[in-house]
Amino acid sequence: MIYQYDGSFEGLMSLFYYLIRKKIIPQNINNEDNSLLNSAFISTDFENSKKLILYLKKNYPTVLEKIFYAFLSEIKGFEKSSFEFLILTLSKKMDPSNLFSYTYVKDINVYYKKVTNDAHRYLGLIRFKELKDGTFFSSIKPIYNVIPLLTPHFINRFKNEKFILHDIKRRYIVMYDKKVEFMQVKNLNLSDEYHQNEIKFQNLWKTYHKYTAIEERYNLKLQNKFIPNRFWKYLIENRG
């Protein structure tokens, strides 16, 4: 049977708890509409989700981290691989990340590496712009859902400031103003809300970048090796 959840991490962990307690090995797990197939939707039980998360955090913290990163990867099939990885953890009573003879262990490690690399790149490439009310704002379009991993870094960096991170692809924002809030948004264009000093700074930065670049050393292939093309449209220095 195919088991479904609501698409949240809590929903996934709640489903894992349910399957473990019922000793069920699912044919597949996803959050798609499989109403025409042999499927069952398991509603999120936040208490059960919390129990499993706290258990893993105490006994197998690296396993919990890798399952969370797999969730953030959103790669098709991550749910089933994560469940099998969890079952192997409980049966071996250890983090099985080095047991590469299991295909799903390899998958989990691949998910972890992909998400980690994407998050690491964005840490160095995000450009914040100041809005009229003093809030710092940035839009990005990551391959993976890395904003939850980036948020703690920027909270530490902007301890006494307000900021908004916008995921264009997933249409949500994280807002920080002494506390963190996630919110779904359809369309978000705040270009008219930029602080006048921000506009001046952007123009100065683009001018600096233009006149310090050495045309003879311009190497698009090398540039894209260090900063892939998908990042460039979000960098101030590359805007017309």
Foldseek 3Di string as FASTA:
>chain_A
DEEEFQLDLQRLLQVLLVCVVVVHQDPAYYHDDPVVDPYDYDYGDNVSSVVSLVVCVVQPVVLSVLLVLLSQLPPPRSSNLNSVQVVVCVVVVYNCLPVVVDVSSVVSVVSNVVLVVQLVLCLVQWDWFAFPVGETEAEAATNTNNPVVCVVVVCVVPVQGWYKYAHPVQQWIWIDHPDIDIGHHDDDDCPVGTDPVRVVVLVVLLVVLVVVDDPVPDDVVVVCVSPNPRRQVRHSNNDD
